[in-house]
Every structure is written in C-alpha cells, then in structure tokens.
C-alpha cells in the first residue's frame, strides 16, 4: 500500500463522516418537524379538552348512589342537595385553575372525578394525582368524601397511602355549610 492509497482511504473516511453528518442533520430536521407537528396537534386538541366536563353516562353507578337511594329525605331536602351540587358544578366550570381537571356524570350527580397535575417548580411537577369525590346525602351540611388514588404510595402528609385526604377543610367540625366558605373548588385548590 502506498501513501496515495492511505490518503484516499483517509479522504473516504472524512467524506463518509461528512455524509453521515449530513444524514444526521437531515434526521434532526425531520425530528424537529415531527415534534413541531406533534406540538401543534397537542395544542389544537388541548383547546378541545375542557377542564370541567359533564359525561353523559346514565349507566354509571357508584356506592354513593346506593346510600342515597335508601335515604328518606324530607320534602325539598333532595332538591336542596341537588341544587348545591349544581352550584358546585358551576363554580368548578368557572373557577378551575389550569392544572385541575374534573369530570361530572349526568346520571350520577353526586360523584365527581378529578385529576390534579403537579405544578411546575414543585417536587410534584407534571405528576398526575387522581381523586374520587362523592357527595353525602346531607351535603352541603356535611363535607364531600374525597379519596386519593394513591396506589399504595405516600407522597405527601395530606395524601395518605390508604387514599385518605387529610385536609382540615374536610373535617366535619370545620366544614362550613356556608357555600362561599366550603365547596369542592376550595377542597381541590387546598390539595
């Protein structure tokens, strides 16, 4: 092998590197285009994804319904209960911050599901925290039952591994039947 063959091999290696670099740049450009397209698609769908929505599922049955079905209400008390829940729905629809999403069910008005996305700059950043909220038959005189889907993890003193949400607002002694002081929006904001 003479020196010219070595130089041609070296030239080929450099040409190959430049060619690979060009391919890499092309792949990076394609990746950037796909990421931009995916981001645009996400933003388009995000606008359609409501923070508060009512799901029309009349077949949904939860334990709270069984309790309420056996409840002997006084005249007008059931209407008051439903009216207060509807007021909660209105507050949630108008006042939820960007990191809380709630689903209500038309066929089961005393049941909500909520997801809270961890705030940026906190240890919970982008974490998803799922909650089940059931309204007791004596709502708003009694606080709602809020259960955290913990999957056995204990991430915060207020959110137990057993699913209990430990907020002073949810204690019967501190729950205020004055709707402006105690409502589901305040509970979710406190969490």
Protein backbone atom coordinates (compact mmCIF):
# COMPACT_ATOMS: atom_id res chain seq x y z
CA UNK A 1 0.00 0.00 0.00
CA UNK A 2 1.48 3.28 -0.95
CA UNK A 3 0.97 6.70 0.57
CA UNK A 4 -1.60 7.71 -2.03
CA UNK A 5 -3.83 4.78 -1.10
CA UNK A 6 -3.69 5.81 2.56
CA UNK A 7 -4.62 9.38 1.66
CA UNK A 8 -7.55 8.19 -0.45
CA UNK A 9 -8.72 6.00 2.43
CA UNK A 10 -8.47 8.96 4.82
CA UNK A 11 -10.34 11.16 2.31
CA UNK A 12 -13.03 8.48 2.04
CA UNK A 13 -13.34 8.35 5.83
CA UNK A 14 -13.72 12.13 6.06
CA UNK A 15 -16.17 12.14 3.15
CA UNK A 16 -18.12 9.37 4.88
CA UNK A 17 -18.16 11.37 8.14
CA UNK A 18 -19.42 14.45 6.31
CA UNK A 19 -22.03 12.33 4.55
CA UNK A 20 -23.10 10.80 7.90
CA UNK A 21 -23.19 14.30 9.39
CA UNK A 22 -25.48 15.42 6.54
CA UNK A 23 -27.75 12.43 7.16
CA UNK A 24 -27.76 13.21 10.89
CA UNK A 25 -28.64 16.87 10.21
CA UNK A 26 -31.44 15.72 7.89
CA UNK A 27 -32.74 13.33 10.58
CA UNK A 28 -32.57 16.15 13.16
CA UNK A 29 -34.55 18.41 10.84
CA UNK A 30 -37.14 15.67 10.29
CA UNK A 31 -37.34 15.09 14.02
CA UNK A 32 -37.79 18.81 14.67
CA UNK A 33 -40.57 18.94 12.06
CA UNK A 34 -42.34 15.96 13.65
CA UNK A 35 -42.00 17.45 17.13
CA UNK A 36 -43.40 20.77 15.89
CA UNK A 37 -46.28 18.96 14.16
CA UNK A 38 -47.00 16.93 17.32
CA UNK A 39 -46.89 20.08 19.46
CA UNK A 40 -49.30 21.86 17.10
CA UNK A 41 -51.60 18.83 17.20
CA UNK A 42 -51.43 18.75 21.01
CA UNK A 43 -52.27 22.46 21.28
CA UNK A 44 -55.18 22.02 18.88
CA UNK A 45 -56.62 19.17 20.98
CA UNK A 46 -55.81 20.86 24.28
CA UNK A 47 -58.25 23.61 23.40
CA UNK A 48 -60.96 20.94 22.97
CA UNK A 49 -60.17 19.25 26.30
CA UNK A 50 -62.31 21.04 28.86
CA UNK A 51 -61.17 21.42 32.41
CA UNK A 52 -64.70 20.68 33.57
CA UNK A 53 -66.96 18.42 31.57
CA UNK A 54 -70.18 16.52 32.16
CA UNK A 55 -70.12 12.98 30.83
CA UNK A 56 -73.50 11.69 29.68
CA UNK A 57 -73.39 8.18 31.10
CA UNK A 58 -76.65 7.18 32.75
CA UNK A 59 -75.34 3.67 33.48
CA UNK A 60 -72.72 4.83 35.99
CA UNK A 61 -73.37 3.51 39.50
CA UNK A 62 -71.15 4.17 42.47
CA UNK A 63 -71.52 3.26 46.11
CA UNK A 64 -72.77 6.74 46.98
CA UNK A 65 -75.88 6.18 44.83
CA UNK A 66 -76.82 3.11 46.83
CA UNK A 67 -76.59 5.13 50.03
CA UNK A 68 -78.65 7.95 48.57
CA UNK A 69 -81.28 5.57 47.20
CA UNK A 70 -82.02 4.34 50.74
CA UNK A 71 -82.15 7.82 52.19
CA UNK A 72 -85.53 9.08 53.38
CA UNK A 73 -85.34 12.77 52.64
CA UNK A 74 -87.69 15.39 53.91
CA UNK A 75 -89.71 17.29 51.31
CA UNK A 76 -87.50 19.73 49.45
CA UNK A 77 -84.25 18.44 51.03
CA UNK A 78 -83.28 16.36 48.00
CA UNK A 79 -83.86 19.36 45.74
CA UNK A 80 -81.64 21.45 48.03
CA UNK A 81 -78.92 18.75 47.90
CA UNK A 82 -79.03 18.64 44.08
CA UNK A 83 -79.14 22.44 43.84
CA UNK A 84 -75.96 22.75 45.93
CA UNK A 85 -74.20 20.13 43.81
CA UNK A 86 -75.17 22.03 40.67
CA UNK A 87 -73.78 25.21 42.26
CA UNK A 88 -70.54 23.30 42.86
CA UNK A 89 -70.50 22.24 39.20
CA UNK A 90 -70.91 25.88 38.16
CA UNK A 91 -68.06 27.01 40.45
CA UNK A 92 -65.82 24.27 39.07
CA UNK A 93 -66.66 25.14 35.47
CA UNK A 94 -65.84 28.81 36.00
CA UNK A 95 -63.00 28.71 38.52
CA UNK A 96 -60.68 25.76 37.93
CA UNK A 97 -57.01 26.66 37.54
CA UNK A 98 -55.11 25.25 34.57
CA UNK A 99 -53.76 22.25 36.48
CA UNK A 100 -57.07 20.77 37.70
CA UNK A 101 -59.45 18.74 35.53
CA UNK A 102 -62.86 17.49 36.72
CA UNK A 103 -65.41 15.13 35.20
CA UNK A 104 -69.01 15.03 36.39
CA UNK A 105 -71.60 12.47 35.37
CA UNK A 106 -75.12 13.37 34.30
CA UNK A 107 -76.60 10.08 35.53
CA UNK A 108 -74.82 10.30 38.89
CA UNK A 109 -74.74 13.89 40.10
CA UNK A 110 -73.21 13.10 43.48
CA UNK A 111 -69.98 11.71 42.04
CA UNK A 112 -67.00 13.54 40.51
CA UNK A 113 -63.57 12.52 39.34
CA UNK A 114 -60.70 14.98 39.45
CA UNK A 115 -57.11 14.98 38.25
CA UNK A 116 -54.58 17.47 39.50
CA UNK A 117 -51.38 17.97 37.52
CA UNK A 118 -48.37 18.82 39.68
CA UNK A 119 -47.36 22.48 39.49
CA UNK A 120 -44.09 23.40 37.75
CA UNK A 121 -41.31 24.20 40.21
CA UNK A 122 -42.61 21.77 42.83
CA UNK A 123 -41.47 18.22 43.63
CA UNK A 124 -44.78 17.08 42.10
CA UNK A 125 -44.08 18.73 38.71
CA UNK A 126 -46.16 17.05 35.95
CA UNK A 127 -47.32 14.30 38.32
CA UNK A 128 -50.93 13.17 37.90
CA UNK A 129 -52.97 12.91 41.07
CA UNK A 130 -56.38 11.30 40.71
CA UNK A 131 -59.29 11.80 43.14
CA UNK A 132 -62.79 10.46 43.57
CA UNK A 133 -65.33 12.81 45.15
CA UNK A 134 -68.71 11.67 46.42
CA UNK A 135 -71.30 13.94 47.94
CA UNK A 136 -73.06 12.64 51.07
CA UNK A 137 -76.84 12.85 51.26
CA UNK A 138 -76.57 15.68 53.78
CA UNK A 139 -74.34 17.80 51.54
CA UNK A 140 -73.63 20.74 51.99
CA UNK A 141 -74.15 20.28 55.73
CA UNK A 142 -71.53 17.51 55.65
CA UNK A 143 -68.29 17.63 53.63
CA UNK A 144 -67.80 15.55 50.49
CA UNK A 145 -65.87 12.31 50.72
CA UNK A 146 -62.59 12.76 48.82
CA UNK A 147 -60.44 9.72 48.06
CA UNK A 148 -56.98 9.84 46.55
CA UNK A 149 -55.92 7.03 44.20
CA UNK A 150 -52.57 6.50 45.92
CA UNK A 151 -51.60 3.09 44.53
CA UNK A 152 -50.07 2.47 47.96
CA UNK A 153 -47.69 5.43 47.77
CA UNK A 154 -47.35 8.07 50.48
CA UNK A 155 -46.24 11.19 48.63
CA UNK A 156 -47.49 13.90 50.95
CA UNK A 157 -48.75 14.07 54.56
CA UNK A 158 -52.16 15.26 53.34
CA UNK A 159 -52.46 12.38 50.85
CA UNK A 160 -52.30 9.07 52.66
CA UNK A 161 -51.16 5.78 51.18
CA UNK A 162 -54.61 4.46 52.16
CA UNK A 163 -56.33 7.01 49.89
CA UNK A 164 -57.50 9.33 52.65
CA UNK A 165 -57.23 13.04 52.01
CA UNK A 166 -56.33 14.78 55.26
CA UNK A 167 -57.46 18.38 54.99
CA UNK A 168 -58.81 20.40 57.87
CA UNK A 169 -61.46 21.74 55.46
CA UNK A 170 -62.88 18.21 55.10
CA UNK A 171 -63.36 17.64 58.82
CA UNK A 172 -66.96 17.75 59.96
CA UNK A 173 -66.14 20.29 62.66
CA UNK A 174 -64.51 22.76 60.27
CA UNK A 175 -66.72 22.17 57.21
CA UNK A 176 -68.98 25.18 56.87
CA UNK A 177 -72.36 24.83 55.20
CA UNK A 178 -71.88 28.42 54.01
CA UNK A 179 -71.25 27.70 50.35
CA UNK A 180 -68.87 30.63 49.87
CA UNK A 181 -66.51 29.17 52.51
CA UNK A 182 -66.76 25.43 51.87
CA UNK A 183 -67.14 23.91 48.42
CA UNK A 184 -65.45 21.36 46.17
CA UNK A 185 -63.41 24.00 44.32
CA UNK A 186 -61.86 25.11 47.63
CA UNK A 187 -61.14 21.48 48.51
CA UNK A 188 -59.36 20.86 45.19
CA UNK A 189 -57.43 24.13 45.48
CA UNK A 190 -56.36 23.18 49.03
CA UNK A 191 -54.97 19.87 47.88
